[in-house]
Amino acid sequence: MLIKYLSCMYRIFILLVIVFAFSACEKEAGEGGTSSIVGSVYKISTYYNALTQQEDTLFYQLDSEKDVYIIYSDNENEFYDDKVETNWNGQYRFDFLRKGDYTVFTYADSTDLLNDYDYPVFRHIKIEANNSTYTLSDFVINK
């Protein structure tokens, strides 16, 4: 009788271990996955065109050294979890991400001539599949 009881307890123990192992596989957004988020940052620049005697707008990609931040949730009020600098062509990339919600942002310069400050520009994205690359819409900032 004792052997049957121990055998039953052993089976219940194994079942509980399997259940806990599968429930532990549910991971939150963050590092440790196989997906990526990529995008570009463009700078707006205006100049005075002497031929047309008007101010024209010129768009071009940033050089390196523009910081882009990522938050491992869709809450813009959280502290950022990681940051990268854009490459020479204004592109950035966050690798090794798991499924989940993410917020990517960079700072744009104020166009207010009286107050010189930077403000964040946010993009939200949800990674729904492993081994995927998600491309965000471009950030266009004033400089």
C-alpha atoms as a PDB file:
ATOM      1  CA  MET A   1       0.000   0.000   0.000  1.00  0.00           C
ATOM      2  CA  LEU A   2       2.831   2.393   0.876  1.00  0.00           C
ATOM      3  CA  ILE A   3       4.523   1.720  -2.465  1.00  0.00           C
ATOM      4  CA  LYS A   4       1.329   2.607  -4.375  1.00  0.00           C
ATOM      5  CA  TYR A   5       1.017   5.813  -2.336  1.00  0.00           C
ATOM      6  CA  LEU A   6       4.642   6.801  -3.016  1.00  0.00           C
ATOM      7  CA  SER A   7       4.246   5.962  -6.705  1.00  0.00           C
ATOM      8  CA  CYS A   8       1.160   8.179  -6.903  1.00  0.00           C
ATOM      9  CA  MET A   9       2.946  11.014  -5.053  1.00  0.00           C
ATOM     10  CA  TYR A  10       5.925  10.667  -7.387  1.00  0.00           C
ATOM     11  CA  ARG A  11       3.631  11.018 -10.433  1.00  0.00           C
ATOM     12  CA  ILE A  12       1.946  14.079  -8.922  1.00  0.00           C
ATOM     13  CA  PHE A  13       5.374  15.579  -8.205  1.00  0.00           C
ATOM     14  CA  ILE A  14       6.512  15.006 -11.800  1.00  0.00           C
ATOM     15  CA  LEU A  15       3.269  16.516 -13.102  1.00  0.00           C
ATOM     16  CA  LEU A  16       3.734  19.624 -10.926  1.00  0.00           C
ATOM     17  CA  VAL A  17       7.340  20.019 -12.099  1.00  0.00           C
ATOM     18  CA  ILE A  18       6.203  19.878 -15.728  1.00  0.00           C
ATOM     19  CA  VAL A  19       3.407  22.415 -15.106  1.00  0.00           C
ATOM     20  CA  PHE A  20       5.782  24.830 -13.359  1.00  0.00           C
ATOM     21  CA  ALA A  21       8.403  24.402 -16.083  1.00  0.00           C
ATOM     22  CA  PHE A  22       5.933  25.380 -18.814  1.00  0.00           C
ATOM     23  CA  SER A  23       4.523  28.287 -16.832  1.00  0.00           C
ATOM     24  CA  ALA A  24       8.050  29.620 -16.279  1.00  0.00           C
ATOM     25  CA  CYS A  25       8.566  29.801 -20.055  1.00  0.00           C
ATOM     26  CA  GLU A  26       6.193  32.772 -20.332  1.00  0.00           C
ATOM     27  CA  LYS A  27       8.672  35.660 -20.463  1.00  0.00           C
ATOM     28  CA  GLU A  28       8.019  39.389 -20.447  1.00  0.00           C
ATOM     29  CA  ALA A  29       9.271  41.817 -23.056  1.00  0.00           C
ATOM     30  CA  GLY A  30      13.001  42.418 -22.980  1.00  0.00           C
ATOM     31  CA  GLU A  31      16.315  40.901 -23.926  1.00  0.00           C
ATOM     32  CA  GLY A  32      16.818  37.209 -24.502  1.00  0.00           C
ATOM     33  CA  GLY A  33      14.770  36.708 -27.666  1.00  0.00           C
ATOM     34  CA  THR A  34      15.424  36.421 -31.377  1.00  0.00           C
ATOM     35  CA  SER A  35      13.653  39.460 -32.836  1.00  0.00           C
ATOM     36  CA  SER A  36      14.873  42.953 -33.747  1.00  0.00           C
ATOM     37  CA  ILE A  37      13.533  46.498 -34.050  1.00  0.00           C
ATOM     38  CA  VAL A  38      15.159  48.736 -36.656  1.00  0.00           C
ATOM     39  CA  GLY A  39      14.565  52.239 -37.984  1.00  0.00           C
ATOM     40  CA  SER A  40      16.058  55.564 -39.039  1.00  0.00           C
ATOM     41  CA  VAL A  41      16.327  59.072 -37.660  1.00  0.00           C
ATOM     42  CA  TYR A  42      16.126  62.018 -40.045  1.00  0.00           C
ATOM     43  CA  LYS A  43      17.017  65.603 -39.337  1.00  0.00           C
ATOM     44  CA  ILE A  44      15.100  68.557 -40.762  1.00  0.00           C
ATOM     45  CA  SER A  45      17.182  71.519 -41.716  1.00  0.00           C
ATOM     46  CA  THR A  46      16.023  74.776 -43.266  1.00  0.00           C
ATOM     47  CA  TYR A  47      18.140  77.159 -45.278  1.00  0.00           C
ATOM     48  CA  TYR A  48      17.642  80.363 -47.199  1.00  0.00           C
ATOM     49  CA  ASN A  49      17.631  79.811 -50.958  1.00  0.00           C
ATOM     50  CA  ALA A  50      19.110  82.905 -52.590  1.00  0.00           C
ATOM     51  CA  LEU A  51      17.753  81.932 -56.031  1.00  0.00           C
ATOM     52  CA  THR A  52      14.118  81.709 -54.960  1.00  0.00           C
ATOM     53  CA  GLN A  53      14.536  84.155 -52.076  1.00  0.00           C
ATOM     54  CA  GLN A  54      12.608  81.768 -49.833  1.00  0.00           C
ATOM     55  CA  GLU A  55      13.396  79.489 -46.974  1.00  0.00           C
ATOM     56  CA  ASP A  56      13.606  75.877 -48.135  1.00  0.00           C
ATOM     57  CA  THR A  57      13.536  72.699 -46.080  1.00  0.00           C
ATOM     58  CA  LEU A  58      16.205  70.082 -46.543  1.00  0.00           C
ATOM     59  CA  PHE A  59      15.796  66.544 -45.167  1.00  0.00           C
ATOM     60  CA  TYR A  60      18.793  64.347 -44.509  1.00  0.00           C
ATOM     61  CA  GLN A  61      19.723  61.482 -42.265  1.00  0.00           C
ATOM     62  CA  LEU A  62      21.677  62.053 -39.099  1.00  0.00           C
ATOM     63  CA  ASP A  63      25.233  61.032 -38.606  1.00  0.00           C
ATOM     64  CA  SER A  64      26.261  58.854 -35.703  1.00  0.00           C
ATOM     65  CA  GLU A  65      25.829  60.055 -32.157  1.00  0.00           C
ATOM     66  CA  LYS A  66      22.036  60.455 -32.031  1.00  0.00           C
ATOM     67  CA  ASP A  67      20.774  58.426 -29.064  1.00  0.00           C
ATOM     68  CA  VAL A  68      17.705  56.207 -29.516  1.00  0.00           C
ATOM     69  CA  TYR A  69      16.152  54.613 -26.407  1.00  0.00           C
ATOM     70  CA  ILE A  70      13.956  51.562 -25.812  1.00  0.00           C
ATOM     71  CA  ILE A  71      11.535  50.801 -22.971  1.00  0.00           C
ATOM     72  CA  TYR A  72      10.523  47.164 -22.470  1.00  0.00           C
ATOM     73  CA  SER A  73       6.818  48.048 -22.155  1.00  0.00           C
ATOM     74  CA  ASP A  74       4.245  50.345 -23.744  1.00  0.00           C
ATOM     75  CA  ASN A  75       4.409  52.755 -20.789  1.00  0.00           C
ATOM     76  CA  GLU A  76       6.126  55.983 -21.848  1.00  0.00           C
ATOM     77  CA  ASN A  77       6.656  56.968 -18.202  1.00  0.00           C
ATOM     78  CA  GLU A  78       8.993  54.057 -17.432  1.00  0.00           C
ATOM     79  CA  PHE A  79      12.762  54.535 -17.344  1.00  0.00           C
ATOM     80  CA  TYR A  80      14.494  53.409 -20.523  1.00  0.00           C
ATOM     81  CA  ASP A  81      16.011  49.926 -20.538  1.00  0.00           C
ATOM     82  CA  ASP A  82      18.620  50.321 -23.263  1.00  0.00           C
ATOM     83  CA  LYS A  83      19.951  52.866 -25.741  1.00  0.00           C
ATOM     84  CA  VAL A  84      21.972  52.823 -28.957  1.00  0.00           C
ATOM     85  CA  GLU A  85      23.521  55.493 -31.150  1.00  0.00           C
ATOM     86  CA  THR A  86      22.583  55.855 -34.787  1.00  0.00           C
ATOM     87  CA  ASN A  87      25.187  54.765 -37.313  1.00  0.00           C
ATOM     88  CA  TRP A  88      26.705  57.062 -39.962  1.00  0.00           C
ATOM     89  CA  ASN A  89      23.501  56.769 -42.008  1.00  0.00           C
ATOM     90  CA  GLY A  90      21.027  57.592 -39.226  1.00  0.00           C
ATOM     91  CA  GLN A  91      19.988  53.971 -38.656  1.00  0.00           C
ATOM     92  CA  TYR A  92      19.545  52.167 -35.345  1.00  0.00           C
ATOM     93  CA  ARG A  93      18.887  48.584 -34.304  1.00  0.00           C
ATOM     94  CA  PHE A  94      17.802  46.779 -31.118  1.00  0.00           C
ATOM     95  CA  ASP A  95      18.504  43.029 -31.227  1.00  0.00           C
ATOM     96  CA  PHE A  96      17.712  39.940 -29.155  1.00  0.00           C
ATOM     97  CA  LEU A  97      14.189  40.991 -28.130  1.00  0.00           C
ATOM     98  CA  ARG A  98      11.413  38.696 -26.890  1.00  0.00           C
ATOM     99  CA  LYS A  99       7.721  38.905 -27.750  1.00  0.00           C
ATOM    100  CA  GLY A 100       5.978  41.823 -26.064  1.00  0.00           C
ATOM    101  CA  ASP A 101       5.250  45.552 -26.120  1.00  0.00           C
ATOM    102  CA  TYR A 102       8.036  48.085 -26.618  1.00  0.00           C
ATOM    103  CA  THR A 103       8.389  51.864 -26.732  1.00  0.00           C
ATOM    104  CA  VAL A 104      11.213  53.394 -28.778  1.00  0.00           C
ATOM    105  CA  PHE A 105      12.002  57.095 -28.554  1.00  0.00           C
ATOM    106  CA  THR A 106      14.519  59.801 -29.329  1.00  0.00           C
ATOM    107  CA  TYR A 107      14.690  63.486 -28.538  1.00  0.00           C
ATOM    108  CA  ALA A 108      13.839  66.274 -30.966  1.00  0.00           C
ATOM    109  CA  ASP A 109      14.835  69.901 -30.589  1.00  0.00           C
ATOM    110  CA  SER A 110      12.234  72.510 -29.820  1.00  0.00           C
ATOM    111  CA  THR A 111      11.308  74.872 -32.629  1.00  0.00           C
ATOM    112  CA  ASP A 112      10.477  77.548 -30.067  1.00  0.00           C
ATOM    113  CA  LEU A 113      13.120  80.285 -30.418  1.00  0.00           C
ATOM    114  CA  LEU A 114      12.606  81.556 -26.867  1.00  0.00           C
ATOM    115  CA  ASN A 115      12.899  78.212 -25.065  1.00  0.00           C
ATOM    116  CA  ASP A 116      15.666  75.840 -26.058  1.00  0.00           C
ATOM    117  CA  TYR A 117      14.682  72.344 -24.893  1.00  0.00           C
ATOM    118  CA  ASP A 118      14.472  68.788 -26.177  1.00  0.00           C
ATOM    119  CA  TYR A 119      11.283  66.745 -26.147  1.00  0.00           C
ATOM    120  CA  PRO A 120      10.787  63.015 -26.697  1.00  0.00           C
ATOM    121  CA  VAL A 121       9.184  61.522 -29.807  1.00  0.00           C
ATOM    122  CA  PHE A 122       7.720  58.054 -29.161  1.00  0.00           C
ATOM    123  CA  ARG A 123       6.966  55.020 -31.324  1.00  0.00           C
ATOM    124  CA  HIS A 124       5.131  51.964 -29.980  1.00  0.00           C
ATOM    125  CA  ILE A 125       5.476  48.468 -31.348  1.00  0.00           C
ATOM    126  CA  LYS A 126       4.419  44.958 -30.384  1.00  0.00           C
ATOM    127  CA  ILE A 127       6.652  42.023 -31.244  1.00  0.00           C
ATOM    128  CA  GLU A 128       4.366  39.080 -31.942  1.00  0.00           C
ATOM    129  CA  ALA A 129       6.721  36.552 -33.534  1.00  0.00           C
ATOM    130  CA  ASN A 130      10.179  35.167 -32.887  1.00  0.00           C
ATOM    131  CA  ASN A 131      12.974  35.463 -35.475  1.00  0.00           C
ATOM    132  CA  SER A 132      11.451  38.648 -36.915  1.00  0.00           C
ATOM    133  CA  THR A 133      12.665  42.124 -37.767  1.00  0.00           C
ATOM    134  CA  TYR A 134      10.230  44.993 -37.182  1.00  0.00           C
ATOM    135  CA  THR A 135      10.816  48.330 -38.928  1.00  0.00           C
ATOM    136  CA  LEU A 136       9.471  51.434 -37.200  1.00  0.00           C
ATOM    137  CA  SER A 137       8.350  54.533 -39.064  1.00  0.00           C
ATOM    138  CA  ASP A 138      11.103  57.137 -39.331  1.00  0.00           C
ATOM    139  CA  PHE A 139      11.800  59.650 -36.616  1.00  0.00           C
ATOM    140  CA  VAL A 140      11.940  63.147 -38.146  1.00  0.00           C
ATOM    141  CA  ILE A 141      13.429  65.703 -35.800  1.00  0.00           C
ATOM    142  CA  ASN A 142      14.258  69.394 -35.969  1.00  0.00           C
ATOM    143  CA  LYS A 143      17.817  70.517 -35.579  1.00  0.00           C
END
